[in-house]
Amino acid sequence: MSSVTLAAVLWGACLVMSAQGTAAGPAAPPAAVAGLARQGAAARLAGRGAEAAELYGRVVRLAPQWAEGWYHLGALNYAAGRFAECRDAMRRFVQLEPGLPQGHGYLGLCAFRTQEFGAALEALEKALLLGVPADEPLLRPIQLHAAMLSTKAGLFEKSMPLCRALALRFGEWPELVALAGATVLRRPIFPAEVAAEDRALIFLMGRAALTAGAGQMEAARRMLDGVVKEYDRTPGVHYGYASVLLAGAPEECAVELRKELAVNPEHLPSLVSLAVILKKNEQYDEALGLLQRALAVKPGDLRARYQRATIYLAQDQADEARTELEAVEREAPGIAEVHATLASVYYRLKRKADGDRQRLLVVQLKGSARSGQLEAPVNP
């Protein structure tokens, strides 16, 4: 059992007992299994994991509503590398104690190991949403695996903040640097999948992204200037330069995005991001042309359609904006910015009741922290 895993098991024991306890003390196991539970606890604290897991397994079969038993059984199975068994135990635990982030964290880590990647990401995001304590040993693996799964799924905007948070708290290590590099270059791969011929570029981009995330912008710029010089014709490099360094500098950002499109004319994030910059400069015709190209690359892309609707609105074509936004809302009802823009459209069309309804949805989504995001990947 690794030291991190052992610490997590012992910490989790304190946490679960505290969560289930009352003013009189932690929740006791049912009387019928109290003896077995004491034996399991003694074995667990003495480091006899296999014996403890066997005892806790007997306990939960006899007392299936005792959440603490399921937690210990799952954590011990995780420490022993029995990930499917851990997953099954933690599923029972989170049903009984849905408000504890550690249970969801273990569930996600186990699902990752059993290659149930969608379920793993959902559980890990739930753990982070509930709030994993800063001194919780599981924090690092939860954040790391959530970031890896986000990158693998193409959710790059979710992954990078996690990469930077990990680097700031735990420092850099090769796996994290590779993950950050793949994320900046928008390559949906795990760190272990980085090809040998791409390793140097991905590590350079990763180091630059994490350096920028630490606020060392001049150092990051020097790194990226060297990368751009050496890899000028490599797809993703100019976009990565723009995304790391140029938020808040739209003119410079536009230059790099145009360079990216010269190398890779079908680079979807560059098409949309450049359209956003041009929209802000009121260059609507060119922006719409870029969005049309984006939709040819990925028909139905929600981000491109949303940005097109905002241009319609800027051009006083409120009815066209409404049609586009209503279609986007039907496909992605959890995006607060879509509802906010649609509210503006309805008010412009003198449909106050519909506008009020959309504003209420915005408040509800932001209050629940469930809102998605449709902004352009690079949004100066």
Protein backbone atom coordinates (compact mmCIF):
# COMPACT_ATOMS: atom_id res chain seq x y z
CA MET A 1 0.00 0.00 0.00
CA SER A 2 1.48 3.35 -1.02
CA SER A 3 1.93 6.06 1.58
CA VAL A 4 -0.52 8.33 -0.25
CA THR A 5 -3.13 5.59 -0.41
CA LEU A 6 -2.61 4.62 3.24
CA ALA A 7 -2.96 8.25 4.25
CA ALA A 8 -6.13 8.50 2.20
CA VAL A 9 -7.59 5.41 3.86
CA LEU A 10 -6.83 6.67 7.36
CA TRP A 11 -7.96 10.23 6.59
CA GLY A 12 -11.14 8.93 5.03
CA ALA A 13 -11.90 6.94 8.17
CA CYS A 14 -11.80 10.11 10.27
CA LEU A 15 -13.83 12.02 7.72
CA VAL A 16 -16.59 9.45 7.37
CA MET A 17 -16.94 8.98 11.11
CA SER A 18 -17.09 12.75 11.56
CA ALA A 19 -19.68 13.17 8.82
CA GLN A 20 -21.90 10.45 10.22
CA GLY A 21 -21.43 11.41 13.83
CA THR A 22 -23.50 13.45 16.19
CA ALA A 23 -22.70 15.56 19.22
CA ALA A 24 -22.38 12.32 21.15
CA GLY A 25 -19.65 11.01 18.84
CA PRO A 26 -19.24 9.16 15.52
CA ALA A 27 -21.98 6.87 14.26
CA ALA A 28 -21.49 3.37 15.66
CA PRO A 29 -21.98 0.26 13.56
CA PRO A 30 -25.19 -1.68 14.13
CA ALA A 31 -25.01 -3.78 17.29
CA ALA A 32 -25.20 -7.03 15.33
CA VAL A 33 -21.88 -6.31 13.59
CA ALA A 34 -20.11 -4.20 16.21
CA GLY A 35 -17.61 -6.94 17.02
CA LEU A 36 -16.71 -7.56 13.40
CA ALA A 37 -16.41 -3.82 12.79
CA ARG A 38 -13.98 -3.46 15.71
CA GLN A 39 -11.90 -6.34 14.34
CA GLY A 40 -11.91 -4.72 10.88
CA ALA A 41 -10.83 -1.38 12.31
CA ALA A 42 -8.01 -3.00 14.29
CA ALA A 43 -6.76 -4.85 11.20
CA ARG A 44 -6.99 -1.72 9.05
CA LEU A 45 -5.09 0.45 11.54
CA ALA A 46 -2.44 -2.26 11.90
CA GLY A 47 -1.90 -2.32 8.13
CA ARG A 48 -3.39 -5.78 7.58
CA GLY A 49 -5.34 -4.73 4.52
CA ALA A 50 -6.48 -8.11 3.22
CA GLU A 51 -7.80 -9.16 6.62
CA ALA A 52 -9.52 -5.80 7.12
CA ALA A 53 -11.18 -5.97 3.69
CA GLU A 54 -12.49 -9.47 4.41
CA LEU A 55 -13.93 -8.33 7.75
CA TYR A 56 -15.54 -5.19 6.33
CA GLY A 57 -16.98 -7.27 3.51
CA ARG A 58 -18.72 -9.44 6.09
CA VAL A 59 -19.90 -6.34 7.96
CA VAL A 60 -21.60 -4.71 4.95
CA ARG A 61 -23.26 -7.94 3.91
CA LEU A 62 -24.88 -8.07 7.34
CA ALA A 63 -25.43 -4.30 7.69
CA PRO A 64 -25.72 -2.85 4.15
CA GLN A 65 -26.92 0.56 5.37
CA TRP A 66 -23.75 1.28 7.38
CA ALA A 67 -21.97 3.76 5.08
CA GLU A 68 -18.66 3.76 6.94
CA GLY A 69 -18.23 0.06 6.28
CA TRP A 70 -18.65 0.55 2.53
CA TYR A 71 -16.12 3.39 2.58
CA HIS A 72 -13.47 1.33 4.35
CA LEU A 73 -14.12 -1.66 2.10
CA GLY A 74 -13.77 0.50 -1.02
CA ALA A 75 -10.64 2.30 0.17
CA LEU A 76 -8.95 -0.96 1.16
CA ASN A 77 -9.77 -2.50 -2.21
CA TYR A 78 -8.36 0.57 -3.95
CA ALA A 79 -5.13 0.28 -1.97
CA ALA A 80 -4.88 -3.38 -2.98
CA GLY A 81 -5.46 -2.65 -6.67
CA ARG A 82 -8.91 -4.26 -6.75
CA PHE A 83 -10.47 -1.39 -8.63
CA ALA A 84 -13.72 -2.99 -9.75
CA GLU A 85 -14.43 -4.04 -6.15
CA CYS A 86 -13.56 -0.53 -4.94
CA ARG A 87 -15.87 0.97 -7.55
CA ASP A 88 -18.78 -1.21 -6.47
CA ALA A 89 -18.28 -0.40 -2.79
CA MET A 90 -17.98 3.33 -3.43
CA ARG A 91 -21.14 3.30 -5.50
CA ARG A 92 -22.97 2.03 -2.43
CA PHE A 93 -21.21 4.57 -0.24
CA VAL A 94 -22.15 7.61 -2.36
CA GLN A 95 -25.76 6.42 -2.42
CA LEU A 96 -25.73 6.52 1.38
CA GLU A 97 -23.52 9.62 1.78
CA PRO A 98 -23.84 11.67 -1.43
CA GLY A 99 -22.40 14.84 0.09
CA LEU A 100 -18.88 13.58 0.81
CA PRO A 101 -16.39 14.39 -1.98
CA GLN A 102 -13.97 11.60 -1.05
CA GLY A 103 -16.49 8.91 -1.96
CA HIS A 104 -17.03 10.42 -5.41
CA GLY A 105 -13.28 10.85 -5.76
CA TYR A 106 -12.56 7.19 -5.09
CA LEU A 107 -15.42 6.21 -7.39
CA GLY A 108 -13.93 8.29 -10.21
CA LEU A 109 -10.40 7.00 -9.67
CA CYS A 110 -11.63 3.41 -9.75
CA ALA A 111 -13.73 4.00 -12.86
CA PHE A 112 -10.63 5.46 -14.52
CA ARG A 113 -8.74 2.27 -13.74
CA THR A 114 -11.56 0.14 -15.17
CA GLN A 115 -11.57 2.39 -18.26
CA GLU A 116 -15.09 3.73 -17.70
CA PHE A 117 -13.89 7.17 -18.64
CA GLY A 118 -17.22 8.99 -18.91
CA ALA A 119 -18.37 7.78 -15.51
CA ALA A 120 -14.93 8.52 -14.07
CA LEU A 121 -14.96 12.15 -15.19
CA GLU A 122 -18.50 12.65 -13.91
CA ALA A 123 -17.57 11.32 -10.46
CA LEU A 124 -14.33 13.30 -10.23
CA GLU A 125 -16.06 16.53 -11.24
CA LYS A 126 -18.69 15.84 -8.59
CA ALA A 127 -15.95 15.45 -5.98
CA LEU A 128 -14.35 18.76 -7.01
CA LEU A 129 -17.72 20.51 -7.06
CA LEU A 130 -18.45 19.33 -3.52
CA GLY A 131 -15.06 20.64 -2.45
CA VAL A 132 -12.13 18.32 -1.70
CA PRO A 133 -10.28 19.69 1.37
CA ALA A 134 -6.85 21.16 0.64
CA ASP A 135 -5.15 18.75 3.06
CA GLU A 136 -6.93 15.69 1.67
CA PRO A 137 -4.37 13.21 0.21
CA LEU A 138 -6.81 12.37 -2.58
CA LEU A 139 -6.82 15.96 -3.88
CA ARG A 140 -3.84 15.51 -6.18
CA PRO A 141 -5.00 12.29 -7.90
CA ILE A 142 -8.56 13.61 -8.18
CA GLN A 143 -7.43 16.83 -9.87
CA LEU A 144 -4.87 15.05 -12.06
CA HIS A 145 -7.26 12.40 -13.34
CA ALA A 146 -10.03 14.94 -13.89
CA ALA A 147 -7.58 16.97 -15.99
CA MET A 148 -6.41 13.93 -17.95
CA LEU A 149 -9.95 12.81 -18.69
CA SER A 150 -10.98 16.32 -19.70
CA THR A 151 -8.11 16.56 -22.17
CA LYS A 152 -8.84 13.08 -23.54
CA ALA A 153 -12.49 14.12 -24.04
CA GLY A 154 -11.47 17.33 -25.83
CA LEU A 155 -12.60 19.54 -22.92
CA PHE A 156 -9.40 21.54 -22.98
CA GLU A 157 -10.80 24.65 -21.27
CA LYS A 158 -11.68 22.50 -18.26
CA SER A 159 -8.32 20.77 -18.15
CA MET A 160 -5.90 23.69 -18.17
CA PRO A 161 -7.08 25.35 -14.92
CA LEU A 162 -6.67 22.00 -13.19
CA CYS A 163 -3.16 21.58 -14.61
CA ARG A 164 -2.16 25.00 -13.36
CA ALA A 165 -3.70 24.42 -9.94
CA LEU A 166 -1.76 21.17 -9.62
CA ALA A 167 1.52 22.84 -10.59
CA LEU A 168 1.00 25.70 -8.15
CA ARG A 169 0.23 23.36 -5.24
CA PHE A 170 2.43 20.33 -5.95
CA GLY A 171 5.09 21.57 -8.38
CA GLU A 172 5.78 20.23 -11.84
CA TRP A 173 6.46 16.62 -12.77
CA PRO A 174 6.81 15.02 -16.23
CA GLU A 175 3.29 13.60 -16.43
CA LEU A 176 1.73 16.95 -15.59
CA VAL A 177 3.97 18.87 -18.00
CA ALA A 178 3.06 16.46 -20.81
CA LEU A 179 -0.62 16.82 -19.99
CA ALA A 180 -0.41 20.63 -20.04
CA GLY A 181 1.41 20.51 -23.38
CA ALA A 182 -1.15 18.22 -24.96
CA THR A 183 -3.90 20.47 -23.63
CA VAL A 184 -2.40 23.67 -25.05
CA LEU A 185 -1.91 21.98 -28.42
CA ARG A 186 -5.48 20.61 -28.16
CA ARG A 187 -4.47 17.01 -28.61
CA PRO A 188 -6.98 14.63 -26.97
CA ILE A 189 -4.48 12.17 -25.55
CA PHE A 190 -3.28 10.90 -22.19
CA PRO A 191 0.32 11.74 -21.21
CA ALA A 192 1.29 8.11 -21.74
CA GLU A 193 0.09 8.36 -25.35
CA VAL A 194 2.49 11.13 -26.38
CA ALA A 195 4.43 9.90 -29.40
CA ALA A 196 8.21 9.91 -29.16
CA GLU A 197 8.57 12.36 -32.06
CA ASP A 198 6.18 14.83 -30.36
CA ARG A 199 7.64 14.64 -26.88
CA ALA A 200 10.01 17.60 -27.14
CA LEU A 201 7.36 19.97 -28.50
CA ILE A 202 4.70 18.89 -26.01
CA PHE A 203 7.05 19.27 -23.05
CA LEU A 204 8.15 22.74 -24.21
CA MET A 205 4.54 23.87 -24.61
CA GLY A 206 3.60 22.35 -21.27
CA ARG A 207 6.41 24.07 -19.41
CA ALA A 208 5.47 27.40 -20.99
CA ALA A 209 1.79 27.01 -20.11
CA LEU A 210 2.53 26.15 -16.49
CA THR A 211 5.07 28.95 -16.24
CA ALA A 212 2.45 31.41 -17.49
CA GLY A 213 -0.04 29.95 -15.03
CA ALA A 214 2.38 30.79 -12.24
CA GLY A 215 2.36 34.43 -13.36
CA GLN A 216 5.86 34.35 -14.88
CA MET A 217 4.74 35.80 -18.20
CA GLU A 218 8.10 37.05 -19.46
CA ALA A 219 9.71 33.68 -18.87
CA ALA A 220 6.79 31.98 -20.61
CA ARG A 221 7.09 34.37 -23.55
CA ARG A 222 10.79 33.56 -23.93
CA MET A 223 9.97 29.86 -23.93
CA LEU A 224 7.22 30.23 -26.50
CA ASP A 225 9.25 32.52 -28.74
CA GLY A 226 11.77 29.71 -29.00
CA VAL A 227 9.05 27.15 -29.69
CA VAL A 228 7.46 29.25 -32.43
CA LYS A 229 10.84 29.81 -34.06
CA GLU A 230 11.62 26.09 -34.14
CA TYR A 231 8.13 24.77 -34.87
CA ASP A 232 6.70 27.59 -36.98
CA ARG A 233 4.90 25.25 -39.40
CA THR A 234 3.64 22.75 -36.83
CA PRO A 235 -0.17 22.73 -36.40
CA GLY A 236 -1.32 24.03 -33.05
CA VAL A 237 1.81 25.98 -32.13
CA HIS A 238 0.62 29.47 -33.07
CA TYR A 239 -2.76 28.81 -31.50
CA GLY A 240 -1.01 27.60 -28.36
CA TYR A 241 1.09 30.76 -28.28
CA ALA A 242 -2.05 32.87 -28.50
CA SER A 243 -3.95 30.91 -25.86
CA VAL A 244 -1.12 30.99 -23.33
CA LEU A 245 0.13 34.54 -23.69
CA LEU A 246 -2.24 36.81 -25.51
CA ALA A 247 -5.48 37.02 -23.54
CA GLY A 248 -6.10 40.74 -23.29
CA ALA A 249 -4.01 41.50 -26.39
CA PRO A 250 -6.46 41.02 -29.28
CA GLU A 251 -4.30 42.47 -32.04
CA GLU A 252 -1.34 40.23 -31.25
CA CYS A 253 -3.69 37.33 -30.74
CA ALA A 254 -5.25 37.86 -34.17
CA VAL A 255 -1.81 37.79 -35.79
CA GLU A 256 -0.99 34.42 -34.24
CA LEU A 257 -4.40 32.98 -35.10
CA ARG A 258 -3.97 34.01 -38.72
CA LYS A 259 -0.57 32.29 -38.73
CA GLU A 260 -2.23 29.17 -37.33
CA LEU A 261 -4.85 29.23 -40.06
CA ALA A 262 -2.14 29.62 -42.69
CA VAL A 263 -0.66 26.34 -41.43
CA ASN A 264 -3.97 24.61 -40.72
CA PRO A 265 -6.91 26.31 -42.50
CA GLU A 266 -9.43 24.01 -40.80
CA HIS A 267 -8.32 24.65 -37.22
CA LEU A 268 -11.71 25.09 -35.57
CA PRO A 269 -10.69 26.94 -32.38
CA SER A 270 -8.63 29.46 -34.38
CA LEU A 271 -11.52 30.10 -36.76
CA VAL A 272 -13.93 30.78 -33.89
CA SER A 273 -11.46 32.75 -31.77
CA LEU A 274 -10.45 34.99 -34.65
CA ALA A 275 -14.13 35.56 -35.47
CA VAL A 276 -14.71 36.75 -31.90
CA ILE A 277 -11.87 39.26 -32.16
CA LEU A 278 -13.16 40.55 -35.50
CA LYS A 279 -16.68 40.80 -34.09
CA LYS A 280 -15.41 43.04 -31.29
CA ASN A 281 -13.77 45.20 -33.97
CA GLU A 282 -17.10 45.31 -35.83
CA GLN A 283 -15.60 43.46 -38.81
CA TYR A 284 -18.77 41.44 -39.11
CA ASP A 285 -18.51 40.18 -42.68
CA GLU A 286 -15.09 38.61 -42.20
CA ALA A 287 -16.16 37.21 -38.83
CA LEU A 288 -19.23 35.57 -40.37
CA GLY A 289 -17.05 34.13 -43.12
CA LEU A 290 -14.77 32.53 -40.54
CA LEU A 291 -17.74 31.09 -38.66
CA GLN A 292 -19.10 29.66 -41.89
CA ARG A 293 -15.72 27.96 -42.41
CA ALA A 294 -15.88 26.66 -38.84
CA LEU A 295 -19.30 25.16 -39.48
CA ALA A 296 -18.00 23.51 -42.64
CA VAL A 297 -15.28 21.89 -40.53
CA LYS A 298 -17.73 20.85 -37.80
CA PRO A 299 -21.35 21.17 -38.87
CA GLY A 300 -23.61 22.20 -36.04
CA ASP A 301 -20.79 23.40 -33.77
CA LEU A 302 -22.55 25.17 -30.88
CA ARG A 303 -19.79 27.69 -30.25
CA ALA A 304 -19.72 28.86 -33.86
CA ARG A 305 -23.51 29.06 -34.01
CA TYR A 306 -23.67 31.04 -30.78
CA GLN A 307 -21.09 33.53 -32.04
CA ARG A 308 -22.96 33.85 -35.31
CA ALA A 309 -26.11 34.69 -33.36
CA THR A 310 -24.29 37.41 -31.42
CA ILE A 311 -23.19 38.97 -34.72
CA TYR A 312 -26.76 38.92 -35.96
CA LEU A 313 -27.75 40.72 -32.77
CA ALA A 314 -24.96 43.28 -33.19
CA GLN A 315 -26.27 43.93 -36.71
CA ASP A 316 -29.81 44.51 -35.40
CA GLN A 317 -31.03 41.25 -36.91
CA ALA A 318 -32.83 40.26 -33.74
CA ASP A 319 -35.17 37.71 -35.31
CA GLU A 320 -32.29 35.85 -36.98
CA ALA A 321 -30.42 35.90 -33.66
CA ARG A 322 -33.50 34.54 -31.89
CA THR A 323 -33.88 31.64 -34.33
CA GLU A 324 -30.22 30.66 -33.95
CA LEU A 325 -30.17 31.01 -30.16
CA GLU A 326 -33.38 29.08 -29.63
CA ALA A 327 -31.90 26.19 -31.61
CA VAL A 328 -28.68 26.32 -29.57
CA GLU A 329 -30.68 26.45 -26.34
CA ARG A 330 -32.62 23.31 -27.30
CA GLU A 331 -29.39 21.41 -27.88
CA ALA A 332 -27.49 22.82 -24.89
CA PRO A 333 -29.97 24.00 -22.25
CA GLY A 334 -27.34 24.33 -19.50
CA ILE A 335 -25.32 27.23 -20.94
CA ALA A 336 -25.90 30.43 -18.96
CA GLU A 337 -24.48 32.77 -21.59
CA VAL A 338 -26.92 31.42 -24.19
CA HIS A 339 -29.86 32.17 -21.91
CA ALA A 340 -28.45 35.63 -21.11
CA THR A 341 -28.08 36.55 -24.77
CA LEU A 342 -31.47 35.11 -25.61
CA ALA A 343 -32.96 37.26 -22.84
CA SER A 344 -31.47 40.35 -24.52
CA VAL A 345 -32.97 39.29 -27.83
CA TYR A 346 -36.41 38.80 -26.33
CA TYR A 347 -36.31 42.20 -24.65
CA ARG A 348 -35.33 43.77 -27.95
CA LEU A 349 -38.29 42.02 -29.57
CA LYS A 350 -40.61 43.34 -26.79
CA ARG A 351 -41.14 39.83 -25.38
CA LYS A 352 -40.64 40.75 -21.73
CA ALA A 353 -42.10 37.56 -20.22
CA ASP A 354 -39.76 35.40 -22.31
CA GLY A 355 -36.83 37.64 -21.43
CA ASP A 356 -37.62 37.42 -17.72
CA ARG A 357 -37.82 33.64 -17.96
CA GLN A 358 -34.37 33.48 -19.58
CA ARG A 359 -32.87 35.78 -16.93
CA LEU A 360 -34.26 33.54 -14.20
CA LEU A 361 -32.60 30.53 -15.84
CA VAL A 362 -29.29 32.40 -15.84
CA VAL A 363 -29.56 33.02 -12.10
CA GLN A 364 -30.48 29.40 -11.43
CA LEU A 365 -27.61 28.03 -13.52
CA LYS A 366 -24.99 30.30 -12.00
CA GLY A 367 -26.27 29.59 -8.51
CA SER A 368 -25.98 25.85 -9.02
CA ALA A 369 -22.53 25.99 -10.65
CA ARG A 370 -23.87 23.72 -13.40
CA SER A 371 -23.53 26.11 -16.30
CA GLY A 372 -21.51 25.08 -19.29
CA GLN A 373 -19.40 27.46 -21.30
CA LEU A 374 -19.42 28.48 -24.96
CA GLU A 375 -16.87 31.29 -25.10
CA ALA A 376 -14.21 31.07 -27.77
CA PRO A 377 -11.14 29.12 -26.53
CA VAL A 378 -8.99 32.25 -26.93
CA ASN A 379 -11.07 35.23 -25.87
CA PRO A 380 -9.02 38.42 -25.41
